[in-house]
Each structure stands twice: as structure tokens, then as C-alpha cells.
Amino acid sequence: MKISIITATFECAATVGACLDAVAAQTYPDREQIVIDGASPDGTLAVLRARQAQLAVLVSEPDQGIYYALNKGLAQASGEVVGVLHGDDVYGDREVLARIAAAFADPRVMAVYGDLEYVSQSDPTRVVRHWRAGPFDPTRLRRGWMPPHPTLYLRRAVYERLGGFDTRYRIAADYDLMLRVLSRLEGRVVYLPQVLVRMRLGGKSNRNLRHIARKSWEDYQILRRQGRGDALSLGPMGAVGALAWKNLSKVPQFFQRG
């Protein structure tokens, strides 16, 4: 079973080498890494070209943001299972893809996810937040719950049936995708209670107050739109309540440890 890993990059020359190393170090052999770069003006492309032999696809061209890049990567993916690993991120250990593949050995499994650690941008050994996702329960989606997107792996057939990233959203299209998929999925969802990804702080959604405010507004719009359907009825809680719970539920991440 081939696993496709999509990596979207933009101006991450200082970190993308560690991302490529993390994929190369995985013990699971049947994999491909697809890198979509947004015509980075720094040295990102030079790093990628120097390592091009380990990449199945390398595209570098102007685009309109990360979700456009991820959709381009989805169109190139040939694996039965697809996940993402951004240019600032690394895997939790060398066995991550092997554990994911083992879960997908059951043909009923459509989605696999795990835990995530946020680490310092300058010191990736320093854990700032630990996101323990917990087992899947579809009713939690109505309370603003979601798994960490960088840990989520889906069968490619799920994308083909339910679509990719909605590029109307500049910051929260991953949340839209997860709500749309996990509320309509036909099959099993497996939670792996291990840290699958270590993610550097400073991403687009938490870079500054303006981005945080925009993400909250997009989250609210997504909850309102998704909550209108039978698959994700928000009930009396409504979009405002789900959004409030979604944000409050992050507070324990600053105190939890793996």
C-alpha cells in the first residue's frame, strides 16, 4: 500500500531539509513525497532541487496559497493513502508511516489520525503544546472538536468522493475539509495515541492576532455552513457555541504532556 505525502512549501529554506530528512528516515518503504512550492524567493527551491532524487514530484510556481498547493498535490498523488507534512514539520519518530499503514491494512478503515506536538520555532526540541486528540466520536464534531490536520491520513478515494480543500477559505480550509469528511465518512476512523507530527509554531493560523481573528471568522462560517446539513446538525449549541468550545478546548494543550 503506497502512502503519498504532500508537502506544501513557501520560504522555508531553514526547515525544509529537516522535513525531507523525516520522510527519508521512515522505515515504511512504499511511499512517495510530493512537494509543491509557491515559487519561494529564498533558498527553499535550491534545497529541494538538491534532494530531488527522493521526491516523486517537485513543482515550484506561483500559486494563491497553501490550499491551492495541497490541491495540486492531491491531483498528483498516486498512493492509496494520502497525508500531509508541511515544510516546517517533522514526524514524531521513524515508525509513523508504518503504524499508519498497519491501521489501513483493514479495508474498512477510511481515516487515521494521532497526536501532535507544537514545538518552538527556534528550538524544535522544546515542546510548547501537546495536542492529545483522543478517540473519534462523531458527536464531538458538533462541539468544535477536530483532529490535528497534519496527523490525518485519508484514503485517496475519500478525496475523490468528497473533494479536496475549499480555497474560499484562506486559513481554515483544513477545518472545513475535516468537518465535511468526518461527518460523512463511510467506514472506520482510527485514532493512534502517539505523537505522529511535531509542528513548529508560527504557522499561518497562529502567526499574529489578525490571522487568529480571520481564522475564527472562517471557522464560524464553516460551522454555520456545515451545520445546516443533516450530517452535522449543531443543534441548540449553534455555530457560536461550537466555536467557543473549539477554542476553549485548546487550553489544556498547554499543560498536557505525552
C-alpha atoms as a PDB file:
ATOM      1  CA  MET A   1       0.000   0.000   0.000  1.00  0.00           C
ATOM      2  CA  LYS A   2       1.594   3.224  -1.173  1.00  0.00           C
ATOM      3  CA  ILE A   3       1.319   6.331   1.030  1.00  0.00           C
ATOM      4  CA  SER A   4       1.516   9.744  -0.625  1.00  0.00           C
ATOM      5  CA  ILE A   5       2.892  12.591   1.494  1.00  0.00           C
ATOM      6  CA  ILE A   6       2.118  16.080   0.209  1.00  0.00           C
ATOM      7  CA  THR A   7       4.430  18.868   1.329  1.00  0.00           C
ATOM      8  CA  ALA A   8       3.500  22.479   0.596  1.00  0.00           C
ATOM      9  CA  THR A   9       6.420  24.880   0.930  1.00  0.00           C
ATOM     10  CA  PHE A  10       6.968  28.624   0.843  1.00  0.00           C
ATOM     11  CA  GLU A  11      10.043  30.391   2.172  1.00  0.00           C
ATOM     12  CA  CYS A  12      11.133  27.584   4.477  1.00  0.00           C
ATOM     13  CA  ALA A  13      14.748  27.098   3.414  1.00  0.00           C
ATOM     14  CA  ALA A  14      15.847  26.803   7.045  1.00  0.00           C
ATOM     15  CA  THR A  15      13.438  23.981   7.911  1.00  0.00           C
ATOM     16  CA  VAL A  16      12.522  22.024   4.774  1.00  0.00           C
ATOM     17  CA  GLY A  17      15.692  19.930   4.966  1.00  0.00           C
ATOM     18  CA  ALA A  18      14.559  18.521   8.320  1.00  0.00           C
ATOM     19  CA  CYS A  19      11.149  17.750   6.793  1.00  0.00           C
ATOM     20  CA  LEU A  20      12.767  15.818   3.943  1.00  0.00           C
ATOM     21  CA  ASP A  21      15.036  14.016   6.415  1.00  0.00           C
ATOM     22  CA  ALA A  22      11.997  12.973   8.459  1.00  0.00           C
ATOM     23  CA  VAL A  23      10.370  11.356   5.423  1.00  0.00           C
ATOM     24  CA  ALA A  24      13.616   9.705   4.295  1.00  0.00           C
ATOM     25  CA  ALA A  25      14.095   8.213   7.771  1.00  0.00           C
ATOM     26  CA  GLN A  26      10.731   6.431   7.811  1.00  0.00           C
ATOM     27  CA  THR A  27      11.041   2.651   7.942  1.00  0.00           C
ATOM     28  CA  TYR A  28       7.937   2.153   5.802  1.00  0.00           C
ATOM     29  CA  PRO A  29       9.252   1.882   2.222  1.00  0.00           C
ATOM     30  CA  ASP A  30       6.168   2.148  -0.008  1.00  0.00           C
ATOM     31  CA  ARG A  31       5.769   5.924  -0.035  1.00  0.00           C
ATOM     32  CA  GLU A  32       6.116   8.964  -2.225  1.00  0.00           C
ATOM     33  CA  GLN A  33       6.692  12.596  -1.316  1.00  0.00           C
ATOM     34  CA  ILE A  34       5.132  15.292  -3.471  1.00  0.00           C
ATOM     35  CA  VAL A  35       6.422  18.830  -2.932  1.00  0.00           C
ATOM     36  CA  ILE A  36       4.502  21.852  -4.194  1.00  0.00           C
ATOM     37  CA  ASP A  37       6.467  25.066  -3.715  1.00  0.00           C
ATOM     38  CA  GLY A  38       4.938  28.509  -4.169  1.00  0.00           C
ATOM     39  CA  ALA A  39       7.907  29.935  -6.105  1.00  0.00           C
ATOM     40  CA  SER A  40       9.792  30.687  -2.897  1.00  0.00           C
ATOM     41  CA  PRO A  41      12.163  33.651  -3.358  1.00  0.00           C
ATOM     42  CA  ASP A  42      14.543  32.421  -0.644  1.00  0.00           C
ATOM     43  CA  GLY A  43      16.709  29.299  -0.865  1.00  0.00           C
ATOM     44  CA  THR A  44      13.881  26.770  -0.482  1.00  0.00           C
ATOM     45  CA  LEU A  45      13.957  25.652  -4.101  1.00  0.00           C
ATOM     46  CA  ALA A  46      17.741  25.129  -4.012  1.00  0.00           C
ATOM     47  CA  VAL A  47      17.334  22.795  -1.024  1.00  0.00           C
ATOM     48  CA  LEU A  48      14.544  20.902  -2.798  1.00  0.00           C
ATOM     49  CA  ARG A  49      16.466  20.552  -6.063  1.00  0.00           C
ATOM     50  CA  ALA A  50      19.493  19.227  -4.201  1.00  0.00           C
ATOM     51  CA  ARG A  51      17.250  16.474  -2.774  1.00  0.00           C
ATOM     52  CA  GLN A  52      15.061  15.961  -5.847  1.00  0.00           C
ATOM     53  CA  ALA A  53      16.055  12.298  -6.188  1.00  0.00           C
ATOM     54  CA  GLN A  54      13.977  11.439  -3.109  1.00  0.00           C
ATOM     55  CA  LEU A  55      10.896  13.270  -4.405  1.00  0.00           C
ATOM     56  CA  ALA A  56       8.254  11.761  -6.657  1.00  0.00           C
ATOM     57  CA  VAL A  57       7.080  15.219  -7.771  1.00  0.00           C
ATOM     58  CA  LEU A  58       8.577  18.689  -7.382  1.00  0.00           C
ATOM     59  CA  VAL A  59       6.619  21.703  -8.628  1.00  0.00           C
ATOM     60  CA  SER A  60       7.633  25.303  -7.972  1.00  0.00           C
ATOM     61  CA  GLU A  61       5.383  28.018  -9.373  1.00  0.00           C
ATOM     62  CA  PRO A  62       3.344  30.968  -8.119  1.00  0.00           C
ATOM     63  CA  ASP A  63       0.069  29.992  -6.507  1.00  0.00           C
ATOM     64  CA  GLN A  64      -2.628  31.517  -4.325  1.00  0.00           C
ATOM     65  CA  GLY A  65      -1.769  29.885  -1.026  1.00  0.00           C
ATOM     66  CA  ILE A  66      -1.290  26.648   0.828  1.00  0.00           C
ATOM     67  CA  TYR A  67      -4.668  25.091  -0.019  1.00  0.00           C
ATOM     68  CA  TYR A  68      -4.139  25.640  -3.745  1.00  0.00           C
ATOM     69  CA  ALA A  69      -0.795  23.890  -3.297  1.00  0.00           C
ATOM     70  CA  LEU A  70      -2.330  20.976  -1.402  1.00  0.00           C
ATOM     71  CA  ASN A  71      -4.997  20.537  -4.076  1.00  0.00           C
ATOM     72  CA  LYS A  72      -2.271  20.438  -6.725  1.00  0.00           C
ATOM     73  CA  GLY A  73      -0.524  17.791  -4.657  1.00  0.00           C
ATOM     74  CA  LEU A  74      -3.719  15.745  -4.375  1.00  0.00           C
ATOM     75  CA  ALA A  75      -4.031  15.782  -8.156  1.00  0.00           C
ATOM     76  CA  GLN A  76      -0.504  14.302  -8.414  1.00  0.00           C
ATOM     77  CA  ALA A  77      -0.852  11.689  -5.674  1.00  0.00           C
ATOM     78  CA  SER A  78      -0.792   8.034  -6.719  1.00  0.00           C
ATOM     79  CA  GLY A  79      -0.904   6.405  -3.283  1.00  0.00           C
ATOM     80  CA  GLU A  80      -3.926   4.613  -1.888  1.00  0.00           C
ATOM     81  CA  VAL A  81      -3.497   6.684   1.282  1.00  0.00           C
ATOM     82  CA  VAL A  82      -2.691  10.411   1.408  1.00  0.00           C
ATOM     83  CA  GLY A  83      -1.391  12.695   4.179  1.00  0.00           C
ATOM     84  CA  VAL A  84       0.424  15.999   4.506  1.00  0.00           C
ATOM     85  CA  LEU A  85       3.709  17.037   6.091  1.00  0.00           C
ATOM     86  CA  HIS A  86       4.391  20.752   5.844  1.00  0.00           C
ATOM     87  CA  GLY A  87       7.848  22.139   5.217  1.00  0.00           C
ATOM     88  CA  ASP A  88       8.241  23.276   8.844  1.00  0.00           C
ATOM     89  CA  ASP A  89       7.186  19.941  10.366  1.00  0.00           C
ATOM     90  CA  VAL A  90       8.721  16.543  11.122  1.00  0.00           C
ATOM     91  CA  TYR A  91       7.422  13.132  12.156  1.00  0.00           C
ATOM     92  CA  GLY A  92       7.357  12.073  15.775  1.00  0.00           C
ATOM     93  CA  ASP A  93       9.594   9.059  15.097  1.00  0.00           C
ATOM     94  CA  ARG A  94      10.753   6.731  12.317  1.00  0.00           C
ATOM     95  CA  GLU A  95       7.774   4.336  12.624  1.00  0.00           C
ATOM     96  CA  VAL A  96       4.918   6.796  11.990  1.00  0.00           C
ATOM     97  CA  LEU A  97       4.126   5.708   8.432  1.00  0.00           C
ATOM     98  CA  ALA A  98       4.485   2.035   9.388  1.00  0.00           C
ATOM     99  CA  ARG A  99       1.839   2.439  12.109  1.00  0.00           C
ATOM    100  CA  ILE A 100      -0.456   4.315   9.733  1.00  0.00           C
ATOM    101  CA  ALA A 101      -0.076   1.621   7.074  1.00  0.00           C
ATOM    102  CA  ALA A 102      -0.830  -1.091   9.637  1.00  0.00           C
ATOM    103  CA  ALA A 103      -4.084   0.660  10.561  1.00  0.00           C
ATOM    104  CA  PHE A 104      -5.095   0.938   6.911  1.00  0.00           C
ATOM    105  CA  ALA A 105      -4.485  -2.783   6.398  1.00  0.00           C
ATOM    106  CA  ASP A 106      -8.106  -3.126   7.498  1.00  0.00           C
ATOM    107  CA  PRO A 107     -10.060  -2.231   4.333  1.00  0.00           C
ATOM    108  CA  ARG A 108     -12.878  -0.782   6.457  1.00  0.00           C
ATOM    109  CA  VAL A 109     -10.578   1.986   7.723  1.00  0.00           C
ATOM    110  CA  MET A 110     -11.003   5.237   5.823  1.00  0.00           C
ATOM    111  CA  ALA A 111      -9.149   7.665   8.120  1.00  0.00           C
ATOM    112  CA  VAL A 112      -6.287   7.540  10.634  1.00  0.00           C
ATOM    113  CA  TYR A 113      -5.032  10.312  12.909  1.00  0.00           C
ATOM    114  CA  GLY A 114      -2.967  10.766  16.073  1.00  0.00           C
ATOM    115  CA  ASP A 115      -1.487  13.309  18.467  1.00  0.00           C
ATOM    116  CA  LEU A 116       0.593  16.375  17.644  1.00  0.00           C
ATOM    117  CA  GLU A 117       3.195  18.439  19.468  1.00  0.00           C
ATOM    118  CA  TYR A 118       3.714  22.132  18.831  1.00  0.00           C
ATOM    119  CA  VAL A 119       7.389  22.961  19.243  1.00  0.00           C
ATOM    120  CA  SER A 120       9.347  26.184  19.403  1.00  0.00           C
ATOM    121  CA  GLN A 121      10.231  27.739  16.041  1.00  0.00           C
ATOM    122  CA  SER A 122      13.827  28.330  17.158  1.00  0.00           C
ATOM    123  CA  ASP A 123      14.236  25.193  19.291  1.00  0.00           C
ATOM    124  CA  PRO A 124      12.264  22.210  17.931  1.00  0.00           C
ATOM    125  CA  THR A 125      13.259  20.115  20.955  1.00  0.00           C
ATOM    126  CA  ARG A 126      11.170  22.384  23.226  1.00  0.00           C
ATOM    127  CA  VAL A 127       7.518  21.308  23.342  1.00  0.00           C
ATOM    128  CA  VAL A 128       5.118  24.237  23.790  1.00  0.00           C
ATOM    129  CA  ARG A 129       1.762  22.459  23.388  1.00  0.00           C
ATOM    130  CA  HIS A 130       0.753  18.819  23.364  1.00  0.00           C
ATOM    131  CA  TRP A 131      -2.422  18.077  21.418  1.00  0.00           C
ATOM    132  CA  ARG A 132      -3.856  14.789  22.639  1.00  0.00           C
ATOM    133  CA  ALA A 133      -6.634  14.273  20.121  1.00  0.00           C
ATOM    134  CA  GLY A 134      -8.467  11.387  21.775  1.00  0.00           C
ATOM    135  CA  PRO A 135     -10.640   8.686  20.191  1.00  0.00           C
ATOM    136  CA  PHE A 136     -13.038   9.568  17.406  1.00  0.00           C
ATOM    137  CA  ASP A 137     -16.642  10.276  18.301  1.00  0.00           C
ATOM    138  CA  PRO A 138     -18.718  11.935  15.556  1.00  0.00           C
ATOM    139  CA  THR A 139     -20.842  13.776  18.126  1.00  0.00           C
ATOM    140  CA  ARG A 140     -17.737  15.720  19.205  1.00  0.00           C
ATOM    141  CA  LEU A 141     -17.645  17.380  15.790  1.00  0.00           C
ATOM    142  CA  ARG A 142     -20.735  19.346  16.827  1.00  0.00           C
ATOM    143  CA  ARG A 143     -18.779  20.782  19.762  1.00  0.00           C
ATOM    144  CA  GLY A 144     -15.960  22.103  17.615  1.00  0.00           C
ATOM    145  CA  TRP A 145     -13.670  19.068  18.017  1.00  0.00           C
ATOM    146  CA  MET A 146     -11.282  18.144  15.235  1.00  0.00           C
ATOM    147  CA  PRO A 147      -8.161  16.007  14.972  1.00  0.00           C
ATOM    148  CA  PRO A 148      -4.815  17.679  14.257  1.00  0.00           C
ATOM    149  CA  HIS A 149      -4.872  18.052  10.487  1.00  0.00           C
ATOM    150  CA  PRO A 150      -1.132  17.306   9.963  1.00  0.00           C
ATOM    151  CA  THR A 151      -1.718  13.878  11.527  1.00  0.00           C
ATOM    152  CA  LEU A 152      -4.772  12.980   9.425  1.00  0.00           C
ATOM    153  CA  TYR A 153      -4.380  10.369   6.688  1.00  0.00           C
ATOM    154  CA  LEU A 154      -7.257   9.514   4.366  1.00  0.00           C
ATOM    155  CA  ARG A 155      -7.762   7.023   1.596  1.00  0.00           C
ATOM    156  CA  ARG A 156      -7.419   8.792  -1.730  1.00  0.00           C
ATOM    157  CA  ALA A 157     -10.875   7.503  -2.617  1.00  0.00           C
ATOM    158  CA  VAL A 158     -12.284   9.721   0.164  1.00  0.00           C
ATOM    159  CA  TYR A 159     -10.896  12.823  -1.549  1.00  0.00           C
ATOM    160  CA  GLU A 160     -12.238  11.612  -4.875  1.00  0.00           C
ATOM    161  CA  ARG A 161     -15.722  11.217  -3.378  1.00  0.00           C
ATOM    162  CA  LEU A 162     -15.909  14.241  -1.058  1.00  0.00           C
ATOM    163  CA  GLY A 163     -13.487  16.688  -2.661  1.00  0.00           C
ATOM    164  CA  GLY A 164     -10.317  18.471  -1.615  1.00  0.00           C
ATOM    165  CA  PHE A 165      -9.688  21.821   0.056  1.00  0.00           C
ATOM    166  CA  ASP A 166     -12.179  24.659  -0.417  1.00  0.00           C
ATOM    167  CA  THR A 167      -9.973  27.567  -1.467  1.00  0.00           C
ATOM    168  CA  ARG A 168     -12.595  30.138  -0.496  1.00  0.00           C
ATOM    169  CA  TYR A 169     -11.026  29.789   2.954  1.00  0.00           C
ATOM    170  CA  ARG A 170      -7.523  31.217   3.255  1.00  0.00           C
ATOM    171  CA  ILE A 171      -6.668  29.875   6.733  1.00  0.00           C
ATOM    172  CA  ALA A 172      -9.288  27.309   7.817  1.00  0.00           C
ATOM    173  CA  ALA A 173      -9.854  25.154   4.720  1.00  0.00           C
ATOM    174  CA  ASP A 174      -8.333  22.221   6.603  1.00  0.00           C
ATOM    175  CA  TYR A 175     -11.082  22.536   9.247  1.00  0.00           C
ATOM    176  CA  ASP A 176     -13.711  22.670   6.506  1.00  0.00           C
ATOM    177  CA  LEU A 177     -12.266  19.537   4.924  1.00  0.00           C
ATOM    178  CA  MET A 178     -12.197  17.615   8.190  1.00  0.00           C
ATOM    179  CA  LEU A 179     -15.759  18.533   9.140  1.00  0.00           C
ATOM    180  CA  ARG A 180     -17.006  17.667   5.654  1.00  0.00           C
ATOM    181  CA  VAL A 181     -15.172  14.339   5.540  1.00  0.00           C
ATOM    182  CA  LEU A 182     -15.509  13.087   9.109  1.00  0.00           C
ATOM    183  CA  SER A 183     -19.235  13.879   9.326  1.00  0.00           C
ATOM    184  CA  ARG A 184     -19.953  11.970   6.113  1.00  0.00           C
ATOM    185  CA  LEU A 185     -17.390   9.201   6.132  1.00  0.00           C
ATOM    186  CA  GLU A 186     -18.486   5.677   5.319  1.00  0.00           C
ATOM    187  CA  GLY A 187     -16.081   3.455   7.197  1.00  0.00           C
ATOM    188  CA  ARG A 188     -13.922   3.335  10.312  1.00  0.00           C
ATOM    189  CA  VAL A 189     -11.820   6.143  11.779  1.00  0.00           C
ATOM    190  CA  VAL A 190      -8.765   5.017  13.785  1.00  0.00           C
ATOM    191  CA  TYR A 191      -7.020   7.048  16.482  1.00  0.00           C
ATOM    192  CA  LEU A 192      -3.347   6.262  17.139  1.00  0.00           C
ATOM    193  CA  PRO A 193      -2.483   7.541  20.649  1.00  0.00           C
ATOM    194  CA  GLN A 194       1.066   8.580  19.770  1.00  0.00           C
ATOM    195  CA  VAL A 195       2.697  11.811  18.618  1.00  0.00           C
ATOM    196  CA  LEU A 196       2.731  11.486  14.847  1.00  0.00           C
ATOM    197  CA  VAL A 197       3.908  15.011  13.954  1.00  0.00           C
ATOM    198  CA  ARG A 198       5.959  17.759  15.577  1.00  0.00           C
ATOM    199  CA  MET A 199       4.872  21.131  14.238  1.00  0.00           C
ATOM    200  CA  ARG A 200       6.789  24.383  14.623  1.00  0.00           C
ATOM    201  CA  LEU A 201       4.814  27.313  15.967  1.00  0.00           C
ATOM    202  CA  GLY A 202       4.434  30.300  13.670  1.00  0.00           C
ATOM    203  CA  GLY A 203       2.121  28.802  11.050  1.00  0.00           C
ATOM    204  CA  LYS A 204      -0.374  30.914   9.169  1.00  0.00           C
ATOM    205  CA  SER A 205      -3.286  30.285  11.531  1.00  0.00           C
ATOM    206  CA  ASN A 206      -1.426  31.411  14.671  1.00  0.00           C
ATOM    207  CA  ARG A 207       1.119  33.866  13.300  1.00  0.00           C
ATOM    208  CA  ASN A 208      -0.456  37.036  14.699  1.00  0.00           C
ATOM    209  CA  LEU A 209      -3.712  38.419  16.103  1.00  0.00           C
ATOM    210  CA  ARG A 210      -5.014  39.383  12.665  1.00  0.00           C
ATOM    211  CA  HIS A 211      -4.604  35.820  11.417  1.00  0.00           C
ATOM    212  CA  ILE A 212      -6.141  34.382  14.583  1.00  0.00           C
ATOM    213  CA  ALA A 213      -9.163  36.670  14.130  1.00  0.00           C
ATOM    214  CA  ARG A 214      -9.538  35.697  10.474  1.00  0.00           C
ATOM    215  CA  LYS A 215      -9.269  32.017  11.321  1.00  0.00           C
ATOM    216  CA  SER A 216     -12.012  32.350  13.952  1.00  0.00           C
ATOM    217  CA  TRP A 217     -14.242  34.120  11.435  1.00  0.00           C
ATOM    218  CA  GLU A 218     -13.638  31.403   8.837  1.00  0.00           C
ATOM    219  CA  ASP A 219     -14.254  28.694  11.464  1.00  0.00           C
ATOM    220  CA  TYR A 220     -17.579  30.340  12.288  1.00  0.00           C
ATOM    221  CA  GLN A 221     -18.604  30.493   8.623  1.00  0.00           C
ATOM    222  CA  ILE A 222     -17.622  26.849   8.165  1.00  0.00           C
ATOM    223  CA  LEU A 223     -19.610  25.737  11.204  1.00  0.00           C
ATOM    224  CA  ARG A 224     -22.672  27.651  10.012  1.00  0.00           C
ATOM    225  CA  ARG A 225     -22.459  26.180   6.506  1.00  0.00           C
ATOM    226  CA  GLN A 226     -21.645  22.608   7.546  1.00  0.00           C
ATOM    227  CA  GLY A 227     -24.142  22.712  10.417  1.00  0.00           C
ATOM    228  CA  ARG A 228     -27.064  23.207   8.056  1.00  0.00           C
ATOM    229  CA  GLY A 229     -26.835  19.632   6.813  1.00  0.00           C
ATOM    230  CA  ASP A 230     -28.204  16.507   8.437  1.00  0.00           C
ATOM    231  CA  ALA A 231     -24.706  15.031   8.718  1.00  0.00           C
ATOM    232  CA  LEU A 232     -23.566  17.747  11.146  1.00  0.00           C
ATOM    233  CA  SER A 233     -26.539  19.226  12.935  1.00  0.00           C
ATOM    234  CA  LEU A 234     -25.182  21.591  15.595  1.00  0.00           C
ATOM    235  CA  GLY A 235     -28.465  21.576  17.494  1.00  0.00           C
ATOM    236  CA  PRO A 236     -29.118  24.154  20.219  1.00  0.00           C
ATOM    237  CA  MET A 237     -25.423  24.798  20.669  1.00  0.00           C
ATOM    238  CA  GLY A 238     -25.211  26.520  17.292  1.00  0.00           C
ATOM    239  CA  ALA A 239     -22.133  27.746  15.464  1.00  0.00           C
ATOM    240  CA  VAL A 240     -21.241  30.305  18.151  1.00  0.00           C
ATOM    241  CA  GLY A 241     -21.281  27.708  20.906  1.00  0.00           C
ATOM    242  CA  ALA A 242     -19.303  25.202  18.855  1.00  0.00           C
ATOM    243  CA  LEU A 243     -16.696  27.848  18.039  1.00  0.00           C
ATOM    244  CA  ALA A 244     -16.375  28.883  21.692  1.00  0.00           C
ATOM    245  CA  TRP A 245     -15.946  25.268  22.772  1.00  0.00           C
ATOM    246  CA  LYS A 246     -13.443  24.665  19.961  1.00  0.00           C
ATOM    247  CA  ASN A 247     -11.211  27.481  21.210  1.00  0.00           C
ATOM    248  CA  LEU A 248     -11.600  26.718  24.932  1.00  0.00           C
ATOM    249  CA  SER A 249     -10.725  23.073  24.365  1.00  0.00           C
ATOM    250  CA  LYS A 250      -7.208  24.125  23.308  1.00  0.00           C
ATOM    251  CA  VAL A 251      -6.312  25.454  26.780  1.00  0.00           C
ATOM    252  CA  PRO A 252      -5.370  22.020  28.251  1.00  0.00           C
ATOM    253  CA  GLN A 253      -2.878  21.540  25.395  1.00  0.00           C
ATOM    254  CA  PHE A 254      -0.523  23.956  27.170  1.00  0.00           C
ATOM    255  CA  PHE A 255      -0.462  21.739  30.278  1.00  0.00           C
ATOM    256  CA  GLN A 256      -0.688  18.213  28.860  1.00  0.00           C
ATOM    257  CA  ARG A 257       2.402  16.172  28.188  1.00  0.00           C
ATOM    258  CA  GLY A 258       2.728  12.964  26.260  1.00  0.00           C
END
